[in-house]
Amino acid sequence: MNLAERLEIIIPTYNRKEYLRSTLAALTAPDSPVKNCSITVLDNASTDGSSEVIESFAKKFANVTHIRHPKNIGGNANISRAFELAEKEYFWVLADDDEYDWRAWPEVEQAMQDKQALIIVNHEILPFHSAPIPANLMRLLTFVPAAIHRSDTITPEALINIYYNIPTWFPQLGAVAEVFNKNLPYRMVSQNIVLCGKNTNHQGLEYHRRTEELDDPFRLAYFEVNYLKALGVLKDKKMRAVACEQFLGRKKSFFLAVQETFKQNMIEYGHYLGNYMAPLAVLSNWQRVRFVLAIFCNYLLFFLLYPKYARKRKRFLKRLQDYKNGKKV
């Protein structure tokens, strides 16, 4: 097949000069099967020299395009723009810090020939090493580059869900859910092609995705809390319930998972009511009962152990402030 006519690659980026240089070099290397595909880099008004790196590749390779936003629109909005701009039959939204193993690439091209709506090229975090069913894949596909999408699945409804989920950190799940909601065909390749990057710039605290300056209705929440909110894009209640049941992606009871997650959410984000009400909307009735009991136990422990919680929150806020002031945390 003429892959360059059927597949395009879009890379959202911001201030990741060295990671981006390595990624573009890997994609345009002589042994890369996508070296002739259109590669568009969505530059979120970088200030660290990333723009110059992109320009150097654009001058060397005619298929590399640099789109620099006049303002930084935020990482999740930049991901959303990638889904909106896709034009070719298939598109692949990549991170700027990953590595690649092309051995299973022929399976991708066969999946394209077979008109698969979603081609899954990474299964490193498939929950419980379980079957690739939609409820399991929702968690897996929080990793944006894990899937190649067929462009005609990005319907107006999917775009609405994509943009709706910008505050949850998971706009891509709006596109994934469109495939599962309509029972469209998907396929998983036998080996990981894209490998999770070695990015350590946030050290697990996701500072760069926080929005402390926003009012409460728009403030973000802890990773797993946001994931629960994002699962509202799944229309099938049974599928959604299974996805919610294992939302932490590891073997643990739902009750304990809620306790652990929302304890951390209290430490990092306080007690904003919306972070409890929004997840309730996506849970099944039995899950809601366990959810409410877990939150009740959390608050009981909070009042009994208030000094401990207060110290943890104070330490976290200090680290956050140090990060904002440019200190290493």
Protein backbone atom coordinates (compact mmCIF):
# COMPACT_ATOMS: atom_id res chain seq x y z
CA MET A 1 0.00 0.00 0.00
CA ASN A 2 0.98 3.62 -0.37
CA LEU A 3 1.18 4.33 3.33
CA ALA A 4 1.95 8.03 2.87
CA GLU A 5 -1.43 8.52 1.20
CA ARG A 6 -3.36 6.78 3.97
CA LEU A 7 -1.65 7.69 7.26
CA GLU A 8 -0.63 10.97 8.86
CA ILE A 9 1.14 11.61 12.16
CA ILE A 10 0.38 14.53 14.47
CA ILE A 11 2.56 15.42 17.47
CA PRO A 12 1.40 17.92 20.12
CA THR A 13 4.38 19.41 21.95
CA TYR A 14 5.47 22.16 24.31
CA ASN A 15 8.99 22.91 25.57
CA ARG A 16 10.35 19.41 25.03
CA LYS A 17 13.29 20.20 22.75
CA GLU A 18 15.54 17.20 23.35
CA TYR A 19 12.69 14.67 23.59
CA LEU A 20 11.19 16.08 20.39
CA ARG A 21 14.49 15.99 18.52
CA SER A 22 14.85 12.28 19.34
CA THR A 23 11.25 11.53 18.35
CA LEU A 24 11.46 13.28 14.99
CA ALA A 25 14.78 11.58 14.27
CA ALA A 26 13.21 8.17 14.97
CA LEU A 27 10.18 8.84 12.77
CA THR A 28 12.23 10.09 9.81
CA ALA A 29 15.02 7.51 10.08
CA PRO A 30 15.73 5.32 7.02
CA ASP A 31 14.36 2.22 8.80
CA SER A 32 11.13 3.92 9.87
CA PRO A 33 8.07 2.64 7.97
CA VAL A 34 6.39 6.05 8.46
CA LYS A 35 9.32 8.15 7.22
CA ASN A 36 7.37 9.32 4.16
CA CYS A 37 4.08 9.98 5.97
CA SER A 38 2.92 13.51 6.71
CA ILE A 39 4.23 14.53 10.15
CA THR A 40 2.61 17.63 11.66
CA VAL A 41 3.95 19.08 14.90
CA LEU A 42 1.51 21.22 16.91
CA ASP A 43 3.83 23.56 18.77
CA ASN A 44 2.10 25.09 21.78
CA ALA A 45 4.08 28.35 21.62
CA SER A 46 7.27 26.73 22.94
CA THR A 47 9.92 28.98 24.46
CA ASP A 48 12.83 26.54 24.95
CA GLY A 49 14.05 26.16 21.38
CA SER A 50 11.61 23.41 20.40
CA SER A 51 10.32 25.59 17.55
CA GLU A 52 13.81 25.81 16.07
CA VAL A 53 14.19 22.02 16.27
CA ILE A 54 10.91 21.54 14.39
CA GLU A 55 11.93 24.08 11.76
CA SER A 56 15.24 22.30 11.21
CA PHE A 57 13.40 19.04 10.48
CA ALA A 58 10.82 20.83 8.30
CA LYS A 59 13.65 22.22 6.14
CA LYS A 60 15.27 18.82 5.81
CA PHE A 61 12.10 16.75 5.27
CA ALA A 62 9.31 18.02 3.01
CA ASN A 63 6.73 15.87 4.83
CA VAL A 64 7.34 17.57 8.23
CA THR A 65 5.04 20.53 8.94
CA HIS A 66 5.37 22.97 11.82
CA ILE A 67 2.19 24.59 13.18
CA ARG A 68 3.01 27.02 15.98
CA HIS A 69 0.06 28.27 18.02
CA PRO A 70 0.21 32.00 18.79
CA LYS A 71 -0.67 31.18 22.40
CA ASN A 72 -0.25 28.14 24.65
CA ILE A 73 -3.69 26.55 24.62
CA GLY A 74 -2.80 23.84 27.16
CA GLY A 75 -1.66 20.29 26.61
CA ASN A 76 -5.09 18.67 26.55
CA ALA A 77 -6.51 21.26 24.16
CA ASN A 78 -3.49 20.69 21.91
CA ILE A 79 -4.26 16.96 21.86
CA SER A 80 -7.85 17.83 20.95
CA ARG A 81 -6.65 20.00 18.08
CA ALA A 82 -4.78 16.98 16.71
CA PHE A 83 -8.02 14.99 16.49
CA GLU A 84 -9.78 17.93 14.85
CA LEU A 85 -7.09 18.55 12.20
CA ALA A 86 -6.72 14.95 10.99
CA GLU A 87 -7.51 14.65 7.27
CA LYS A 88 -6.14 11.39 5.87
CA GLU A 89 -7.87 8.03 6.14
CA TYR A 90 -5.88 7.14 9.28
CA PHE A 91 -4.04 9.30 11.77
CA TRP A 92 -1.73 8.65 14.70
CA VAL A 93 -1.38 11.18 17.52
CA LEU A 94 2.06 10.70 19.05
CA ALA A 95 3.75 12.01 22.18
CA ASP A 96 7.08 13.81 21.87
CA ASP A 97 9.02 11.48 24.20
CA ASP A 98 8.39 7.87 23.18
CA GLU A 99 10.42 5.12 21.53
CA TYR A 100 9.45 2.73 18.74
CA ASP A 101 9.81 -0.92 17.80
CA TRP A 102 8.67 -1.42 14.20
CA ARG A 103 8.72 -5.24 14.05
CA ALA A 104 4.92 -5.60 14.18
CA TRP A 105 4.26 -2.78 11.70
CA PRO A 106 3.04 -5.14 8.90
CA GLU A 107 0.08 -5.96 11.19
CA VAL A 108 -0.84 -2.26 11.21
CA GLU A 109 -0.90 -2.09 7.43
CA GLN A 110 -3.02 -5.25 7.27
CA ALA A 111 -5.45 -3.71 9.78
CA MET A 112 -5.72 -0.66 7.54
CA GLN A 113 -6.44 -2.89 4.56
CA ASP A 114 -9.18 -4.51 6.64
CA LYS A 115 -10.66 -1.07 7.45
CA GLN A 116 -10.30 -1.39 11.23
CA ALA A 117 -11.65 1.71 12.98
CA LEU A 118 -9.03 1.54 15.74
CA ILE A 119 -5.60 -0.09 15.59
CA ILE A 120 -4.07 -0.60 19.03
CA VAL A 121 -0.28 -0.46 18.94
CA ASN A 122 0.54 -0.56 22.65
CA HIS A 123 -0.82 -2.76 25.43
CA GLU A 124 1.70 -2.15 28.22
CA ILE A 125 -0.91 -1.06 30.76
CA LEU A 126 -3.79 -3.35 29.79
CA PRO A 127 -5.47 -3.93 33.20
CA PHE A 128 -4.93 -7.33 34.77
CA HIS A 129 -3.33 -8.60 31.55
CA SER A 130 -6.90 -9.29 30.53
CA ALA A 131 -8.72 -9.66 27.24
CA PRO A 132 -8.77 -6.60 24.95
CA ILE A 133 -12.43 -5.82 25.49
CA PRO A 134 -13.67 -2.19 25.42
CA ALA A 135 -14.01 -1.83 29.20
CA ASN A 136 -10.35 -2.80 29.63
CA LEU A 137 -9.13 -0.80 26.67
CA MET A 138 -10.50 2.50 27.99
CA ARG A 139 -7.84 2.48 30.69
CA LEU A 140 -5.14 1.40 28.24
CA LEU A 141 -6.04 4.12 25.75
CA THR A 142 -5.50 6.93 28.22
CA PHE A 143 -2.03 6.63 26.63
CA VAL A 144 -2.70 8.74 23.54
CA PRO A 145 -0.20 7.10 21.12
CA ALA A 146 -1.54 3.61 21.91
CA ALA A 147 -4.07 3.81 19.07
CA ILE A 148 -4.15 4.70 15.39
CA HIS A 149 -7.58 6.10 14.49
CA ARG A 150 -9.62 5.96 11.33
CA SER A 151 -10.52 9.57 10.58
CA ASP A 152 -14.17 9.02 9.72
CA THR A 153 -14.80 7.97 13.35
CA ILE A 154 -14.15 11.57 14.44
CA THR A 155 -17.76 12.63 14.00
CA PRO A 156 -19.21 15.91 15.32
CA GLU A 157 -20.45 13.97 18.36
CA ALA A 158 -16.98 12.54 18.95
CA LEU A 159 -15.44 16.01 18.69
CA ILE A 160 -17.88 17.35 21.26
CA ASN A 161 -16.88 14.55 23.63
CA ILE A 162 -13.20 15.20 22.90
CA TYR A 163 -13.46 18.87 23.79
CA TYR A 164 -15.78 18.17 26.71
CA ASN A 165 -13.04 16.01 28.23
CA ILE A 166 -10.26 18.58 28.08
CA PRO A 167 -10.69 19.34 31.82
CA THR A 168 -10.55 15.61 32.66
CA TRP A 169 -7.10 15.24 30.97
CA PHE A 170 -8.51 12.54 28.65
CA PRO A 171 -9.93 14.17 25.50
CA GLN A 172 -8.76 11.16 23.46
CA LEU A 173 -11.32 8.95 25.18
CA GLY A 174 -14.04 10.86 23.33
CA ALA A 175 -12.64 9.42 20.09
CA VAL A 176 -12.11 5.94 21.54
CA ALA A 177 -15.66 5.79 22.91
CA GLU A 178 -17.08 6.60 19.47
CA VAL A 179 -15.63 3.30 18.21
CA PHE A 180 -16.96 1.28 21.14
CA ASN A 181 -20.35 3.02 21.29
CA LYS A 182 -20.99 2.16 17.66
CA ASN A 183 -19.46 -1.32 17.89
CA LEU A 184 -16.95 -0.57 15.14
CA PRO A 185 -14.14 -3.06 14.41
CA TYR A 186 -10.79 -2.70 16.17
CA ARG A 187 -7.60 -4.74 16.32
CA MET A 188 -4.60 -5.02 18.62
CA VAL A 189 -1.16 -5.81 17.19
CA SER A 190 0.84 -8.66 18.71
CA GLN A 191 3.79 -6.53 19.90
CA ASN A 192 4.06 -2.99 21.23
CA ILE A 193 5.11 -0.60 18.47
CA VAL A 194 5.14 2.61 20.46
CA LEU A 195 6.81 2.34 23.87
CA CYS A 196 5.95 4.62 26.81
CA GLY A 197 8.47 7.44 27.06
CA LYS A 198 10.95 8.11 29.82
CA ASN A 199 9.59 11.53 30.69
CA THR A 200 10.32 12.46 34.31
CA ASN A 201 9.70 16.19 34.16
CA HIS A 202 6.68 16.02 36.49
CA GLN A 203 7.82 13.14 38.72
CA GLY A 204 4.32 11.73 39.10
CA LEU A 205 2.72 14.88 40.49
CA GLU A 206 1.28 16.25 37.22
CA TYR A 207 2.02 19.85 38.22
CA HIS A 208 1.93 21.03 34.64
CA ARG A 209 -1.71 19.94 34.26
CA ARG A 210 -3.05 21.66 37.35
CA THR A 211 -5.16 24.82 37.11
CA GLU A 212 -5.06 26.36 40.57
CA GLU A 213 -6.00 29.74 39.14
CA LEU A 214 -9.39 28.52 37.90
CA ASP A 215 -12.64 28.69 39.83
CA ASP A 216 -13.88 25.50 41.49
CA PRO A 217 -16.27 24.32 38.73
CA PHE A 218 -13.34 24.13 36.30
CA ARG A 219 -10.59 22.94 38.61
CA LEU A 220 -8.96 19.63 37.80
CA ALA A 221 -8.82 16.61 40.05
CA TYR A 222 -6.54 13.68 40.77
CA PHE A 223 -5.68 11.37 37.82
CA GLU A 224 -8.08 8.51 38.64
CA VAL A 225 -10.88 10.90 39.62
CA ASN A 226 -10.61 12.53 36.21
CA TYR A 227 -10.60 9.10 34.57
CA LEU A 228 -13.89 8.22 36.26
CA LYS A 229 -15.38 11.48 35.00
CA ALA A 230 -14.17 10.80 31.46
CA LEU A 231 -15.85 7.38 31.36
CA GLY A 232 -19.16 9.18 30.96
CA VAL A 233 -18.51 9.10 27.20
CA LEU A 234 -19.32 5.36 27.19
CA LYS A 235 -23.02 4.87 26.47
CA ASP A 236 -23.30 1.19 27.36
CA LYS A 237 -23.96 1.09 31.12
CA LYS A 238 -22.60 -2.44 31.59
CA MET A 239 -19.40 -1.61 29.71
CA ARG A 240 -19.02 1.57 31.75
CA ALA A 241 -19.60 -0.28 35.02
CA VAL A 242 -16.83 -2.77 34.22
CA ALA A 243 -14.47 0.06 33.28
CA CYS A 244 -15.30 1.87 36.53
CA GLU A 245 -14.86 -1.29 38.61
CA GLN A 246 -11.20 -1.59 37.64
CA PHE A 247 -10.46 2.10 37.19
CA LEU A 248 -7.14 1.92 38.99
CA GLY A 249 -5.91 -0.67 36.53
CA ARG A 250 -4.73 -3.11 39.17
CA LYS A 251 -6.23 -5.83 41.36
CA LYS A 252 -7.88 -4.11 44.29
CA SER A 253 -11.43 -3.91 45.59
CA PHE A 254 -13.50 -1.02 44.27
CA PHE A 255 -14.10 0.20 47.84
CA LEU A 256 -10.37 0.36 48.66
CA ALA A 257 -9.58 1.88 45.27
CA VAL A 258 -12.05 4.71 45.91
CA GLN A 259 -10.67 5.23 49.41
CA GLU A 260 -7.07 5.45 48.23
CA THR A 261 -7.80 7.65 45.24
CA PHE A 262 -10.01 10.17 47.00
CA LYS A 263 -7.71 10.37 50.00
CA GLN A 264 -4.98 11.56 47.66
CA ASN A 265 -7.49 13.82 45.92
CA MET A 266 -8.31 15.47 49.27
CA ILE A 267 -4.62 16.10 49.93
CA GLU A 268 -3.93 17.59 46.50
CA TYR A 269 -7.22 19.25 45.59
CA GLY A 270 -9.16 19.82 48.78
CA HIS A 271 -12.85 19.15 49.18
CA TYR A 272 -14.47 20.50 46.03
CA LEU A 273 -17.90 18.83 45.86
CA GLY A 274 -17.84 18.47 42.08
CA ASN A 275 -15.05 15.92 42.33
CA TYR A 276 -17.48 13.63 44.15
CA MET A 277 -20.68 14.35 42.23
CA ALA A 278 -19.27 13.94 38.71
CA PRO A 279 -17.98 10.36 39.28
CA LEU A 280 -21.32 9.39 40.83
CA ALA A 281 -23.00 10.13 37.51
CA VAL A 282 -21.04 7.40 35.68
CA LEU A 283 -21.27 4.65 38.32
CA SER A 284 -23.81 1.86 38.56
CA ASN A 285 -26.18 1.86 41.55
CA TRP A 286 -24.16 -0.75 43.48
CA GLN A 287 -20.96 1.13 42.75
CA ARG A 288 -22.57 4.32 44.05
CA VAL A 289 -23.35 2.62 47.37
CA ARG A 290 -19.73 1.50 47.81
CA PHE A 291 -18.48 4.87 46.59
CA VAL A 292 -20.50 6.81 49.17
CA LEU A 293 -19.42 4.44 51.97
CA ALA A 294 -15.76 4.81 50.97
CA ILE A 295 -16.02 8.62 50.93
CA PHE A 296 -17.77 8.55 54.33
CA CYS A 297 -14.92 6.44 55.77
CA ASN A 298 -12.40 8.84 54.26
CA TYR A 299 -13.98 11.84 55.94
CA LEU A 300 -14.24 10.00 59.24
CA LEU A 301 -10.51 9.29 59.08
CA PHE A 302 -9.88 12.86 57.95
CA PHE A 303 -11.49 14.31 61.07
CA LEU A 304 -9.84 11.76 63.34
CA LEU A 305 -6.41 12.26 61.79
CA TYR A 306 -6.70 15.90 60.76
CA PRO A 307 -3.14 16.96 61.76
CA LYS A 308 -1.66 14.18 59.59
CA TYR A 309 -3.75 15.21 56.55
CA ALA A 310 -2.95 18.88 57.13
CA ARG A 311 0.80 18.19 57.18
CA LYS A 312 0.60 16.16 53.96
CA ARG A 313 -1.38 18.88 52.19
CA LYS A 314 1.02 21.56 53.41
CA ARG A 315 4.01 19.59 52.10
CA PHE A 316 2.31 19.02 48.76
CA LEU A 317 1.38 22.68 48.33
CA LYS A 318 4.96 23.69 49.13
CA ARG A 319 6.27 21.34 46.43
CA LEU A 320 3.72 22.74 44.00
CA GLN A 321 4.81 26.30 44.77
CA ASP A 322 8.48 25.31 44.38
CA TYR A 323 7.64 23.85 40.98
CA LYS A 324 5.85 27.03 39.92
CA ASN A 325 8.87 29.06 41.04
CA GLY A 326 11.14 26.94 38.86
CA LYS A 327 12.77 24.96 41.64
CA LYS A 328 13.59 21.27 41.23
CA VAL A 329 11.08 19.11 43.12
